[in-house]
């Protein structure tokens, strides 16, 4: 019980200092207080042994091209207009999901973003690429 109280105290203290000093963002908090969120965040991970190329956009925005090396992750975030806004366009990803056929067959997925305090520290909603058992198809699965 004492540990829970200490944790609650520490989180409240961090929240207090974050509002008193905007430059000092709380770091490492697993769950954001609703009024402290600054961005919507999606993290894409690649635990495979191959580089994966994909495109990402927010809402109806422009598709941007990315490459994700084996064992790496990339964060995509949407900065809110004001602290605690908790609203962003729908994030989308598309990638060639059939490998080795010499063609590009895009699979487009609408993702979910989690509201976070600091997109450089928090992970947001995490998605992971994986290959099918035969190795020719690639999928994207939600982790959390």
C-alpha atoms as a PDB file:
ATOM      1  CA  UNK A   1       0.000   0.000   0.000  1.00  0.00           C
ATOM      2  CA  UNK A   2       2.888   2.340   0.822  1.00  0.00           C
ATOM      3  CA  UNK A   3       4.374   1.821  -2.675  1.00  0.00           C
ATOM      4  CA  UNK A   4       1.075   2.757  -4.315  1.00  0.00           C
ATOM      5  CA  UNK A   5       0.907   5.961  -2.264  1.00  0.00           C
ATOM      6  CA  UNK A   6       4.498   6.861  -3.173  1.00  0.00           C
ATOM      7  CA  UNK A   7       3.782   6.246  -6.856  1.00  0.00           C
ATOM      8  CA  UNK A   8       0.610   8.340  -6.742  1.00  0.00           C
ATOM      9  CA  UNK A   9       2.519  11.123  -4.986  1.00  0.00           C
ATOM     10  CA  UNK A  10       5.307  11.023  -7.572  1.00  0.00           C
ATOM     11  CA  UNK A  11       2.841  11.132 -10.466  1.00  0.00           C
ATOM     12  CA  UNK A  12       0.965  14.067  -8.947  1.00  0.00           C
ATOM     13  CA  UNK A  13       4.222  15.893  -8.366  1.00  0.00           C
ATOM     14  CA  UNK A  14       5.308  15.342 -11.975  1.00  0.00           C
ATOM     15  CA  UNK A  15       1.930  16.563 -13.199  1.00  0.00           C
ATOM     16  CA  UNK A  16       2.208  19.670 -11.017  1.00  0.00           C
ATOM     17  CA  UNK A  17       5.670  20.532 -12.281  1.00  0.00           C
ATOM     18  CA  UNK A  18       4.638  19.877 -15.896  1.00  0.00           C
ATOM     19  CA  UNK A  19       1.866  22.446 -15.632  1.00  0.00           C
ATOM     20  CA  UNK A  20       4.052  24.913 -13.722  1.00  0.00           C
ATOM     21  CA  UNK A  21       6.958  24.581 -16.162  1.00  0.00           C
ATOM     22  CA  UNK A  22       5.820  23.687 -19.695  1.00  0.00           C
ATOM     23  CA  UNK A  23       9.387  22.947 -20.872  1.00  0.00           C
ATOM     24  CA  UNK A  24       9.804  20.172 -18.273  1.00  0.00           C
ATOM     25  CA  UNK A  25       7.682  17.312 -19.642  1.00  0.00           C
ATOM     26  CA  UNK A  26       7.036  14.372 -17.303  1.00  0.00           C
ATOM     27  CA  UNK A  27       8.935  11.347 -18.585  1.00  0.00           C
ATOM     28  CA  UNK A  28       8.211   7.647 -18.326  1.00  0.00           C
ATOM     29  CA  UNK A  29       4.638   7.918 -17.100  1.00  0.00           C
ATOM     30  CA  UNK A  30       2.696   4.902 -18.328  1.00  0.00           C
ATOM     31  CA  UNK A  31      -0.728   6.523 -18.137  1.00  0.00           C
ATOM     32  CA  UNK A  32      -1.278  10.188 -18.930  1.00  0.00           C
ATOM     33  CA  UNK A  33      -3.599  12.447 -16.982  1.00  0.00           C
ATOM     34  CA  UNK A  34      -6.278  13.631 -19.454  1.00  0.00           C
ATOM     35  CA  UNK A  35      -5.283  17.308 -19.211  1.00  0.00           C
ATOM     36  CA  UNK A  36      -1.570  16.616 -19.801  1.00  0.00           C
ATOM     37  CA  UNK A  37      -1.662  14.946 -23.227  1.00  0.00           C
ATOM     38  CA  UNK A  38       0.129  16.757 -26.046  1.00  0.00           C
ATOM     39  CA  UNK A  39       0.011  14.346 -29.010  1.00  0.00           C
ATOM     40  CA  UNK A  40      -1.569  11.276 -30.575  1.00  0.00           C
ATOM     41  CA  UNK A  41       1.070   8.565 -31.016  1.00  0.00           C
ATOM     42  CA  UNK A  42       1.467   5.347 -33.007  1.00  0.00           C
ATOM     43  CA  UNK A  43       4.617   3.209 -32.792  1.00  0.00           C
ATOM     44  CA  UNK A  44       5.460   0.759 -35.603  1.00  0.00           C
ATOM     45  CA  UNK A  45       7.920  -2.047 -34.762  1.00  0.00           C
ATOM     46  CA  UNK A  46       9.805  -4.483 -36.981  1.00  0.00           C
ATOM     47  CA  UNK A  47      10.944  -7.611 -35.111  1.00  0.00           C
ATOM     48  CA  UNK A  48      11.618  -9.410 -38.429  1.00  0.00           C
ATOM     49  CA  UNK A  49      15.012  -9.955 -40.057  1.00  0.00           C
ATOM     50  CA  UNK A  50      14.128  -7.893 -43.150  1.00  0.00           C
ATOM     51  CA  UNK A  51      13.793  -4.158 -43.804  1.00  0.00           C
ATOM     52  CA  UNK A  52      10.147  -3.219 -44.296  1.00  0.00           C
ATOM     53  CA  UNK A  53       9.092  -0.317 -46.521  1.00  0.00           C
ATOM     54  CA  UNK A  54       5.780   1.372 -45.834  1.00  0.00           C
ATOM     55  CA  UNK A  55       3.849   4.609 -46.209  1.00  0.00           C
ATOM     56  CA  UNK A  56       2.123   6.510 -43.417  1.00  0.00           C
ATOM     57  CA  UNK A  57      -0.285   9.438 -43.195  1.00  0.00           C
ATOM     58  CA  UNK A  58      -2.613  11.224 -40.797  1.00  0.00           C
ATOM     59  CA  UNK A  59      -6.207  11.529 -42.032  1.00  0.00           C
ATOM     60  CA  UNK A  60      -6.388  12.551 -45.694  1.00  0.00           C
ATOM     61  CA  UNK A  61      -2.864  13.984 -45.601  1.00  0.00           C
ATOM     62  CA  UNK A  62      -0.005  13.152 -47.924  1.00  0.00           C
ATOM     63  CA  UNK A  63       1.477   9.641 -47.818  1.00  0.00           C
ATOM     64  CA  UNK A  64       5.077   9.705 -46.566  1.00  0.00           C
ATOM     65  CA  UNK A  65       7.538   6.891 -47.305  1.00  0.00           C
ATOM     66  CA  UNK A  66       9.469   5.110 -44.524  1.00  0.00           C
ATOM     67  CA  UNK A  67      11.845   2.166 -44.183  1.00  0.00           C
ATOM     68  CA  UNK A  68      12.088   0.231 -40.959  1.00  0.00           C
ATOM     69  CA  UNK A  69      15.237  -1.813 -40.398  1.00  0.00           C
ATOM     70  CA  UNK A  70      15.131  -5.195 -38.623  1.00  0.00           C
ATOM     71  CA  UNK A  71      14.689  -4.894 -34.858  1.00  0.00           C
ATOM     72  CA  UNK A  72      13.804  -1.184 -35.041  1.00  0.00           C
ATOM     73  CA  UNK A  73      10.768   0.924 -34.285  1.00  0.00           C
ATOM     74  CA  UNK A  74       9.467   4.287 -35.486  1.00  0.00           C
ATOM     75  CA  UNK A  75       7.104   6.673 -33.742  1.00  0.00           C
ATOM     76  CA  UNK A  76       4.550   8.703 -35.688  1.00  0.00           C
ATOM     77  CA  UNK A  77       2.769  11.461 -33.795  1.00  0.00           C
ATOM     78  CA  UNK A  78       0.245  14.231 -34.299  1.00  0.00           C
ATOM     79  CA  UNK A  79       0.807  17.311 -32.123  1.00  0.00           C
ATOM     80  CA  UNK A  80      -2.412  18.577 -30.583  1.00  0.00           C
ATOM     81  CA  UNK A  81      -3.366  22.218 -30.975  1.00  0.00           C
ATOM     82  CA  UNK A  82      -3.611  22.555 -27.190  1.00  0.00           C
ATOM     83  CA  UNK A  83      -2.602  20.522 -24.136  1.00  0.00           C
ATOM     84  CA  UNK A  84      -5.185  17.846 -23.279  1.00  0.00           C
ATOM     85  CA  UNK A  85      -6.949  18.022 -26.658  1.00  0.00           C
ATOM     86  CA  UNK A  86      -6.925  14.222 -27.203  1.00  0.00           C
ATOM     87  CA  UNK A  87      -8.062  14.438 -30.841  1.00  0.00           C
ATOM     88  CA  UNK A  88      -6.140  13.682 -34.035  1.00  0.00           C
ATOM     89  CA  UNK A  89      -6.893  12.607 -37.619  1.00  0.00           C
ATOM     90  CA  UNK A  90      -7.035   8.828 -38.138  1.00  0.00           C
ATOM     91  CA  UNK A  91      -3.530   7.434 -38.731  1.00  0.00           C
ATOM     92  CA  UNK A  92      -3.177   5.106 -41.719  1.00  0.00           C
ATOM     93  CA  UNK A  93      -0.436   2.827 -42.974  1.00  0.00           C
ATOM     94  CA  UNK A  94      -0.028   1.003 -46.266  1.00  0.00           C
ATOM     95  CA  UNK A  95       2.554  -1.558 -47.303  1.00  0.00           C
ATOM     96  CA  UNK A  96       3.181  -4.221 -49.953  1.00  0.00           C
ATOM     97  CA  UNK A  97       1.858  -7.249 -48.129  1.00  0.00           C
ATOM     98  CA  UNK A  98       2.722  -9.879 -50.772  1.00  0.00           C
ATOM     99  CA  UNK A  99       6.462 -10.425 -51.048  1.00  0.00           C
ATOM    100  CA  UNK A 100       8.428 -11.903 -53.913  1.00  0.00           C
ATOM    101  CA  UNK A 101       5.764 -11.543 -56.620  1.00  0.00           C
ATOM    102  CA  UNK A 102       7.447  -8.626 -58.407  1.00  0.00           C
ATOM    103  CA  UNK A 103       4.370  -6.396 -57.970  1.00  0.00           C
ATOM    104  CA  UNK A 104       3.265  -3.882 -55.360  1.00  0.00           C
ATOM    105  CA  UNK A 105       0.015  -4.938 -53.728  1.00  0.00           C
ATOM    106  CA  UNK A 106      -0.824  -2.356 -51.085  1.00  0.00           C
ATOM    107  CA  UNK A 107      -2.673  -3.288 -47.942  1.00  0.00           C
ATOM    108  CA  UNK A 108      -4.015  -0.167 -46.191  1.00  0.00           C
ATOM    109  CA  UNK A 109      -4.826  -0.243 -42.471  1.00  0.00           C
ATOM    110  CA  UNK A 110      -6.577   2.382 -40.358  1.00  0.00           C
ATOM    111  CA  UNK A 111      -4.732   2.580 -37.050  1.00  0.00           C
ATOM    112  CA  UNK A 112      -5.544   3.888 -33.589  1.00  0.00           C
ATOM    113  CA  UNK A 113      -3.391   6.539 -31.900  1.00  0.00           C
ATOM    114  CA  UNK A 114      -3.070   6.809 -28.115  1.00  0.00           C
ATOM    115  CA  UNK A 115      -2.964  10.224 -26.452  1.00  0.00           C
ATOM    116  CA  UNK A 116       0.382  10.707 -24.708  1.00  0.00           C
ATOM    117  CA  UNK A 117       2.187  13.296 -22.632  1.00  0.00           C
ATOM    118  CA  UNK A 118       5.486  13.145 -24.508  1.00  0.00           C
ATOM    119  CA  UNK A 119       5.743  11.401 -27.918  1.00  0.00           C
ATOM    120  CA  UNK A 120       9.534  11.204 -27.674  1.00  0.00           C
ATOM    121  CA  UNK A 121       9.307   9.103 -24.505  1.00  0.00           C
ATOM    122  CA  UNK A 122       5.954   7.308 -24.479  1.00  0.00           C
ATOM    123  CA  UNK A 123       5.148   4.504 -26.953  1.00  0.00           C
ATOM    124  CA  UNK A 124       1.459   5.181 -27.645  1.00  0.00           C
ATOM    125  CA  UNK A 125      -0.437   2.500 -29.545  1.00  0.00           C
ATOM    126  CA  UNK A 126       2.085  -0.121 -30.709  1.00  0.00           C
ATOM    127  CA  UNK A 127       1.827  -2.178 -33.897  1.00  0.00           C
ATOM    128  CA  UNK A 128       4.185  -4.964 -35.005  1.00  0.00           C
ATOM    129  CA  UNK A 129       4.946  -6.302 -38.480  1.00  0.00           C
ATOM    130  CA  UNK A 130       5.163 -10.074 -38.864  1.00  0.00           C
ATOM    131  CA  UNK A 131       5.560 -12.512 -41.731  1.00  0.00           C
ATOM    132  CA  UNK A 132       3.215 -15.442 -42.417  1.00  0.00           C
ATOM    133  CA  UNK A 133       4.462 -18.933 -41.647  1.00  0.00           C
ATOM    134  CA  UNK A 134       5.387 -19.352 -45.331  1.00  0.00           C
ATOM    135  CA  UNK A 135       7.218 -16.028 -45.280  1.00  0.00           C
ATOM    136  CA  UNK A 136       5.568 -14.517 -48.366  1.00  0.00           C
ATOM    137  CA  UNK A 137       2.839 -12.448 -46.652  1.00  0.00           C
ATOM    138  CA  UNK A 138       3.344  -9.601 -44.202  1.00  0.00           C
ATOM    139  CA  UNK A 139       0.854  -8.554 -41.553  1.00  0.00           C
ATOM    140  CA  UNK A 140       0.569  -5.722 -39.047  1.00  0.00           C
ATOM    141  CA  UNK A 141      -0.822  -6.559 -35.606  1.00  0.00           C
ATOM    142  CA  UNK A 142      -1.707  -4.397 -32.609  1.00  0.00           C
ATOM    143  CA  UNK A 143       0.452  -5.159 -29.568  1.00  0.00           C
ATOM    144  CA  UNK A 144      -1.289  -3.151 -26.830  1.00  0.00           C
END
